[in-house]
N, C-alpha and C. Protein backbone atom coordinates (compact mmCIF):
# COMPACT_ATOMS: atom_id res chain seq x y z
N UNK A 1 -25.81 -44.29 -75.85
CA UNK A 1 -24.75 -44.88 -76.63
C UNK A 1 -23.61 -43.88 -76.86
N UNK A 2 -23.99 -42.60 -77.15
CA UNK A 2 -22.95 -41.60 -77.40
C UNK A 2 -22.17 -41.28 -76.12
N UNK A 3 -22.85 -41.33 -74.98
CA UNK A 3 -22.16 -41.07 -73.72
C UNK A 3 -21.10 -42.14 -73.46
N UNK A 4 -21.45 -43.35 -73.66
CA UNK A 4 -20.48 -44.42 -73.42
C UNK A 4 -19.29 -44.30 -74.37
N UNK A 5 -19.57 -44.00 -75.63
CA UNK A 5 -18.48 -43.84 -76.61
C UNK A 5 -17.60 -42.65 -76.25
N UNK A 6 -18.22 -41.55 -75.84
CA UNK A 6 -17.46 -40.35 -75.44
C UNK A 6 -16.54 -40.66 -74.27
N UNK A 7 -17.09 -41.25 -73.21
CA UNK A 7 -16.28 -41.52 -72.02
C UNK A 7 -15.23 -42.60 -72.28
N UNK A 8 -15.53 -43.56 -73.13
CA UNK A 8 -14.53 -44.56 -73.49
C UNK A 8 -13.37 -43.89 -74.22
N UNK A 9 -13.68 -43.02 -75.18
CA UNK A 9 -12.64 -42.31 -75.95
C UNK A 9 -11.85 -41.38 -75.04
N UNK A 10 -12.55 -40.66 -74.15
CA UNK A 10 -11.85 -39.76 -73.22
C UNK A 10 -10.92 -40.54 -72.31
N UNK A 11 -11.35 -41.68 -71.80
CA UNK A 11 -10.51 -42.52 -70.94
C UNK A 11 -9.30 -43.07 -71.67
N UNK A 12 -9.52 -43.50 -72.91
CA UNK A 12 -8.41 -44.03 -73.70
C UNK A 12 -7.39 -42.94 -73.99
N UNK A 13 -7.86 -41.74 -74.33
CA UNK A 13 -6.95 -40.62 -74.61
C UNK A 13 -6.17 -40.24 -73.35
N UNK A 14 -6.85 -40.22 -72.21
CA UNK A 14 -6.16 -39.90 -70.95
C UNK A 14 -5.12 -40.97 -70.62
N UNK A 15 -5.43 -42.22 -70.88
CA UNK A 15 -4.48 -43.30 -70.64
C UNK A 15 -3.25 -43.19 -71.52
N UNK A 16 -3.47 -42.90 -72.80
CA UNK A 16 -2.35 -42.73 -73.74
C UNK A 16 -1.49 -41.56 -73.31
N UNK A 17 -2.15 -40.44 -72.95
CA UNK A 17 -1.41 -39.24 -72.54
C UNK A 17 -0.58 -39.53 -71.28
N UNK A 18 -1.18 -40.19 -70.29
CA UNK A 18 -0.46 -40.49 -69.04
C UNK A 18 0.69 -41.46 -69.30
N UNK A 19 0.48 -42.46 -70.13
CA UNK A 19 1.54 -43.42 -70.44
C UNK A 19 2.71 -42.74 -71.14
N UNK A 20 2.41 -41.86 -72.08
CA UNK A 20 3.45 -41.13 -72.79
C UNK A 20 4.24 -40.25 -71.82
N UNK A 21 3.53 -39.56 -70.93
CA UNK A 21 4.18 -38.68 -69.96
C UNK A 21 5.09 -39.48 -69.03
N UNK A 22 4.64 -40.60 -68.55
CA UNK A 22 5.44 -41.44 -67.65
C UNK A 22 6.66 -41.99 -68.37
N UNK A 23 6.50 -42.44 -69.60
CA UNK A 23 7.64 -42.98 -70.36
C UNK A 23 8.70 -41.91 -70.60
N UNK A 24 8.27 -40.68 -70.89
CA UNK A 24 9.25 -39.60 -71.08
C UNK A 24 10.03 -39.34 -69.80
N UNK A 25 9.33 -39.32 -68.68
CA UNK A 25 9.98 -39.07 -67.39
C UNK A 25 10.95 -40.20 -67.05
N UNK A 26 10.58 -41.43 -67.35
CA UNK A 26 11.46 -42.57 -67.09
C UNK A 26 12.73 -42.46 -67.94
N UNK A 27 12.58 -42.04 -69.19
CA UNK A 27 13.76 -41.88 -70.06
C UNK A 27 14.66 -40.77 -69.57
N UNK A 28 14.09 -39.72 -68.97
CA UNK A 28 14.90 -38.62 -68.43
C UNK A 28 15.69 -39.05 -67.20
N UNK A 29 15.23 -40.06 -66.52
CA UNK A 29 15.86 -40.49 -65.27
C UNK A 29 16.81 -41.66 -65.46
N UNK A 30 17.12 -42.05 -66.68
CA UNK A 30 18.10 -43.11 -66.90
C UNK A 30 19.49 -42.57 -66.58
N UNK A 31 20.43 -43.43 -66.20
CA UNK A 31 21.78 -42.96 -65.87
C UNK A 31 22.46 -42.20 -67.02
N UNK A 32 22.25 -42.66 -68.25
CA UNK A 32 22.87 -41.99 -69.39
C UNK A 32 22.32 -40.58 -69.55
N UNK A 33 21.01 -40.44 -69.40
CA UNK A 33 20.39 -39.13 -69.53
C UNK A 33 20.83 -38.20 -68.41
N UNK A 34 20.90 -38.72 -67.19
CA UNK A 34 21.35 -37.90 -66.06
C UNK A 34 22.80 -37.46 -66.24
N UNK A 35 23.65 -38.35 -66.76
CA UNK A 35 25.05 -38.00 -67.00
C UNK A 35 25.15 -36.92 -68.07
N UNK A 36 24.36 -37.03 -69.12
CA UNK A 36 24.38 -36.02 -70.18
C UNK A 36 23.89 -34.67 -69.65
N UNK A 37 22.86 -34.69 -68.81
CA UNK A 37 22.37 -33.43 -68.23
C UNK A 37 23.42 -32.80 -67.32
N UNK A 38 24.11 -33.61 -66.54
CA UNK A 38 25.16 -33.10 -65.65
C UNK A 38 26.31 -32.52 -66.46
N UNK A 39 26.68 -33.19 -67.55
CA UNK A 39 27.76 -32.68 -68.40
C UNK A 39 27.37 -31.36 -69.04
N UNK A 40 26.13 -31.25 -69.50
CA UNK A 40 25.67 -29.99 -70.08
C UNK A 40 25.70 -28.86 -69.06
N UNK A 41 25.27 -29.14 -67.84
CA UNK A 41 25.29 -28.12 -66.79
C UNK A 41 26.73 -27.73 -66.45
N UNK A 42 27.64 -28.69 -66.42
CA UNK A 42 29.04 -28.39 -66.12
C UNK A 42 29.65 -27.51 -67.21
N UNK A 43 29.35 -27.81 -68.46
CA UNK A 43 29.87 -26.99 -69.56
C UNK A 43 29.29 -25.58 -69.49
N UNK A 44 28.01 -25.48 -69.20
CA UNK A 44 27.36 -24.17 -69.08
C UNK A 44 27.98 -23.36 -67.94
N UNK A 45 28.24 -24.02 -66.81
CA UNK A 45 28.86 -23.34 -65.67
C UNK A 45 30.27 -22.90 -66.01
N UNK A 46 31.00 -23.73 -66.75
CA UNK A 46 32.35 -23.35 -67.17
C UNK A 46 32.34 -22.12 -68.06
N UNK A 47 31.38 -22.05 -68.97
CA UNK A 47 31.28 -20.87 -69.83
C UNK A 47 30.95 -19.62 -69.02
N UNK A 48 30.07 -19.77 -68.04
CA UNK A 48 29.72 -18.63 -67.19
C UNK A 48 30.92 -18.16 -66.38
N UNK A 49 31.70 -19.11 -65.84
CA UNK A 49 32.90 -18.74 -65.08
C UNK A 49 33.94 -18.06 -65.97
N UNK A 50 34.08 -18.55 -67.19
CA UNK A 50 35.02 -17.93 -68.12
C UNK A 50 34.59 -16.50 -68.44
N UNK A 51 33.30 -16.30 -68.70
CA UNK A 51 32.80 -14.95 -68.97
C UNK A 51 33.01 -14.04 -67.77
N UNK A 52 32.79 -14.57 -66.56
CA UNK A 52 33.00 -13.78 -65.36
C UNK A 52 34.47 -13.38 -65.22
N UNK A 53 35.38 -14.33 -65.46
CA UNK A 53 36.81 -14.04 -65.35
C UNK A 53 37.23 -12.99 -66.38
N UNK A 54 36.69 -13.07 -67.59
CA UNK A 54 37.02 -12.08 -68.61
C UNK A 54 36.48 -10.70 -68.22
N UNK A 55 35.29 -10.65 -67.63
CA UNK A 55 34.74 -9.38 -67.18
C UNK A 55 35.59 -8.78 -66.05
N UNK A 56 36.02 -9.63 -65.12
CA UNK A 56 36.87 -9.16 -64.02
C UNK A 56 38.19 -8.63 -64.57
N UNK A 57 38.78 -9.35 -65.52
CA UNK A 57 40.05 -8.90 -66.09
C UNK A 57 39.90 -7.58 -66.82
N UNK A 58 38.80 -7.43 -67.56
CA UNK A 58 38.55 -6.18 -68.28
C UNK A 58 38.39 -5.02 -67.29
N UNK A 59 37.65 -5.26 -66.21
CA UNK A 59 37.48 -4.23 -65.19
C UNK A 59 38.79 -3.89 -64.50
N UNK A 60 39.63 -4.91 -64.29
CA UNK A 60 40.93 -4.69 -63.68
C UNK A 60 41.81 -3.79 -64.55
N UNK A 61 41.84 -4.09 -65.83
CA UNK A 61 42.66 -3.29 -66.76
C UNK A 61 42.15 -1.85 -66.81
N UNK A 62 40.83 -1.71 -66.86
CA UNK A 62 40.24 -0.37 -66.91
C UNK A 62 40.59 0.41 -65.64
N UNK A 63 40.47 -0.24 -64.47
CA UNK A 63 40.76 0.44 -63.20
C UNK A 63 42.23 0.76 -63.08
N UNK A 64 43.11 -0.13 -63.53
CA UNK A 64 44.54 0.16 -63.50
C UNK A 64 44.89 1.35 -64.37
N UNK A 65 44.21 1.46 -65.52
CA UNK A 65 44.44 2.61 -66.39
C UNK A 65 43.95 3.89 -65.71
N UNK A 66 42.81 3.83 -65.03
CA UNK A 66 42.31 5.00 -64.31
C UNK A 66 43.28 5.42 -63.21
N UNK A 67 43.76 4.44 -62.44
CA UNK A 67 44.69 4.74 -61.36
C UNK A 67 46.02 5.25 -61.89
N UNK A 68 46.47 4.66 -62.98
CA UNK A 68 47.73 5.12 -63.59
C UNK A 68 47.61 6.56 -64.07
N UNK A 69 46.47 6.91 -64.64
CA UNK A 69 46.27 8.29 -65.08
C UNK A 69 46.16 9.24 -63.90
N UNK A 70 45.48 8.80 -62.83
CA UNK A 70 45.31 9.66 -61.65
C UNK A 70 46.62 9.86 -60.91
N UNK A 71 47.47 8.85 -60.89
CA UNK A 71 48.75 8.96 -60.18
C UNK A 71 49.86 9.51 -61.06
N UNK A 72 49.59 9.70 -62.33
CA UNK A 72 50.61 10.25 -63.23
C UNK A 72 51.65 9.24 -63.64
N UNK A 73 51.34 7.98 -63.58
CA UNK A 73 52.31 6.96 -63.96
C UNK A 73 52.51 6.91 -65.47
N UNK A 74 51.56 7.42 -66.20
CA UNK A 74 51.66 7.38 -67.66
C UNK A 74 52.03 8.74 -68.24
N UNK A 75 52.45 9.64 -67.35
CA UNK A 75 52.86 10.97 -67.80
C UNK A 75 54.21 10.87 -68.51
N UNK A 76 54.52 11.84 -69.40
CA UNK A 76 55.83 11.80 -70.06
C UNK A 76 56.96 11.93 -69.04
N UNK A 77 58.02 11.20 -69.26
CA UNK A 77 59.14 11.15 -68.32
C UNK A 77 60.05 12.35 -68.58
N UNK A 78 60.44 13.01 -67.49
CA UNK A 78 61.38 14.13 -67.59
C UNK A 78 62.76 13.57 -67.88
N UNK A 79 63.44 14.10 -68.86
CA UNK A 79 64.74 13.55 -69.27
C UNK A 79 65.82 13.80 -68.24
N UNK A 80 65.63 14.77 -67.33
CA UNK A 80 66.65 15.07 -66.32
C UNK A 80 66.61 14.08 -65.16
N UNK A 81 65.49 13.37 -65.01
CA UNK A 81 65.38 12.41 -63.92
C UNK A 81 66.05 11.09 -64.29
N UNK A 82 66.58 10.38 -63.29
CA UNK A 82 67.16 9.07 -63.61
C UNK A 82 66.07 8.10 -64.07
N UNK A 83 66.49 7.12 -64.83
CA UNK A 83 65.55 6.15 -65.38
C UNK A 83 65.06 5.24 -64.26
N UNK A 84 63.74 5.02 -64.23
CA UNK A 84 63.19 4.08 -63.25
C UNK A 84 63.42 2.67 -63.74
N UNK A 85 63.83 1.84 -62.83
CA UNK A 85 64.03 0.45 -63.19
C UNK A 85 62.92 -0.39 -62.57
N UNK A 86 62.37 -1.25 -63.38
CA UNK A 86 61.34 -2.17 -62.91
C UNK A 86 61.97 -3.55 -62.83
N UNK A 87 62.04 -4.07 -61.63
CA UNK A 87 62.63 -5.39 -61.43
C UNK A 87 61.57 -6.46 -61.60
N UNK A 88 61.94 -7.47 -62.36
CA UNK A 88 61.01 -8.58 -62.58
C UNK A 88 61.09 -9.53 -61.39
N UNK A 89 60.02 -10.21 -61.13
CA UNK A 89 60.00 -11.20 -60.06
C UNK A 89 60.88 -12.37 -60.44
N UNK A 90 60.90 -12.66 -61.70
CA UNK A 90 61.63 -13.82 -62.18
C UNK A 90 62.24 -13.48 -63.53
N UNK A 91 63.48 -13.82 -63.69
CA UNK A 91 64.12 -13.61 -64.98
C UNK A 91 63.59 -14.65 -65.95
N UNK A 92 63.31 -14.24 -67.18
CA UNK A 92 62.79 -15.23 -68.13
C UNK A 92 63.85 -16.28 -68.45
N UNK A 93 63.43 -17.50 -68.37
CA UNK A 93 64.32 -18.62 -68.68
C UNK A 93 63.88 -19.26 -69.99
N UNK A 94 64.82 -19.71 -70.77
CA UNK A 94 64.39 -20.42 -71.98
C UNK A 94 63.72 -21.73 -71.59
N UNK A 95 62.56 -21.94 -72.16
CA UNK A 95 61.80 -23.15 -71.83
C UNK A 95 62.42 -24.36 -72.51
N UNK A 96 62.78 -25.34 -71.68
CA UNK A 96 63.34 -26.57 -72.24
C UNK A 96 62.24 -27.39 -72.91
N UNK A 97 61.10 -27.41 -72.28
CA UNK A 97 59.96 -28.15 -72.81
C UNK A 97 58.79 -27.18 -72.91
N UNK A 98 58.01 -27.25 -73.95
CA UNK A 98 56.88 -26.33 -74.05
C UNK A 98 55.79 -26.57 -73.01
N UNK A 99 55.80 -27.74 -72.35
CA UNK A 99 54.77 -28.05 -71.36
C UNK A 99 55.15 -27.63 -69.95
N UNK A 100 56.36 -27.09 -69.76
CA UNK A 100 56.77 -26.69 -68.41
C UNK A 100 56.24 -25.31 -68.11
N UNK A 101 55.95 -25.08 -66.84
CA UNK A 101 55.42 -23.80 -66.39
C UNK A 101 56.47 -23.07 -65.56
N UNK A 102 56.41 -21.76 -65.61
CA UNK A 102 57.33 -20.97 -64.81
C UNK A 102 56.95 -21.07 -63.34
N UNK A 103 57.94 -20.98 -62.47
CA UNK A 103 57.70 -21.02 -61.04
C UNK A 103 58.32 -19.79 -60.41
N UNK A 104 57.65 -19.25 -59.43
CA UNK A 104 58.19 -18.12 -58.71
C UNK A 104 59.30 -18.60 -57.78
N UNK A 105 60.31 -17.75 -57.54
CA UNK A 105 61.37 -18.16 -56.62
C UNK A 105 60.80 -18.31 -55.21
N UNK A 106 61.26 -19.31 -54.52
CA UNK A 106 60.75 -19.60 -53.18
C UNK A 106 61.75 -19.12 -52.16
N UNK A 107 61.39 -18.09 -51.40
CA UNK A 107 62.22 -17.59 -50.31
C UNK A 107 61.33 -17.53 -49.09
N UNK A 108 61.55 -18.44 -48.17
CA UNK A 108 60.73 -18.48 -46.99
C UNK A 108 61.43 -17.80 -45.83
N UNK A 109 60.72 -16.97 -45.12
CA UNK A 109 61.24 -16.33 -43.92
C UNK A 109 60.73 -17.03 -42.67
N UNK A 110 60.18 -18.19 -42.85
CA UNK A 110 59.64 -18.96 -41.74
C UNK A 110 60.79 -19.63 -40.99
N UNK A 111 61.02 -19.22 -39.76
CA UNK A 111 62.11 -19.77 -38.97
C UNK A 111 61.73 -21.11 -38.32
N UNK A 112 60.47 -21.47 -38.39
CA UNK A 112 60.02 -22.69 -37.71
C UNK A 112 60.04 -23.92 -38.60
N UNK A 113 60.41 -23.77 -39.84
CA UNK A 113 60.38 -24.94 -40.71
C UNK A 113 61.60 -25.80 -40.47
N UNK A 114 61.49 -27.05 -40.77
CA UNK A 114 62.60 -28.00 -40.56
C UNK A 114 63.70 -27.73 -41.56
N UNK A 115 64.93 -27.88 -41.09
CA UNK A 115 66.08 -27.64 -41.98
C UNK A 115 66.79 -28.92 -42.26
């Protein structure tokens, strides 16, 4: 009698466990759940890319400072020498709209383009 009761209880528990496991997996595979998982992964990837870009920028600034020190670009300027002029790629223009972006001047040396 105890054997039958034991195996009946063990079978019922295994059935409940398997049913619960299958229902959880089915809920994970619904379109809404898959979309939420994809959105979470996209946000996580965006944060990783942002951190990578910030690390690259920090390394760039550090290396530029090292090169500037090695080349003497940050040394005190001798007053007898003429002033060095740094030409900007683009003159700053007053922004008409705050949503407009600056554009670099376009000068093409391509002789094959249509005129």
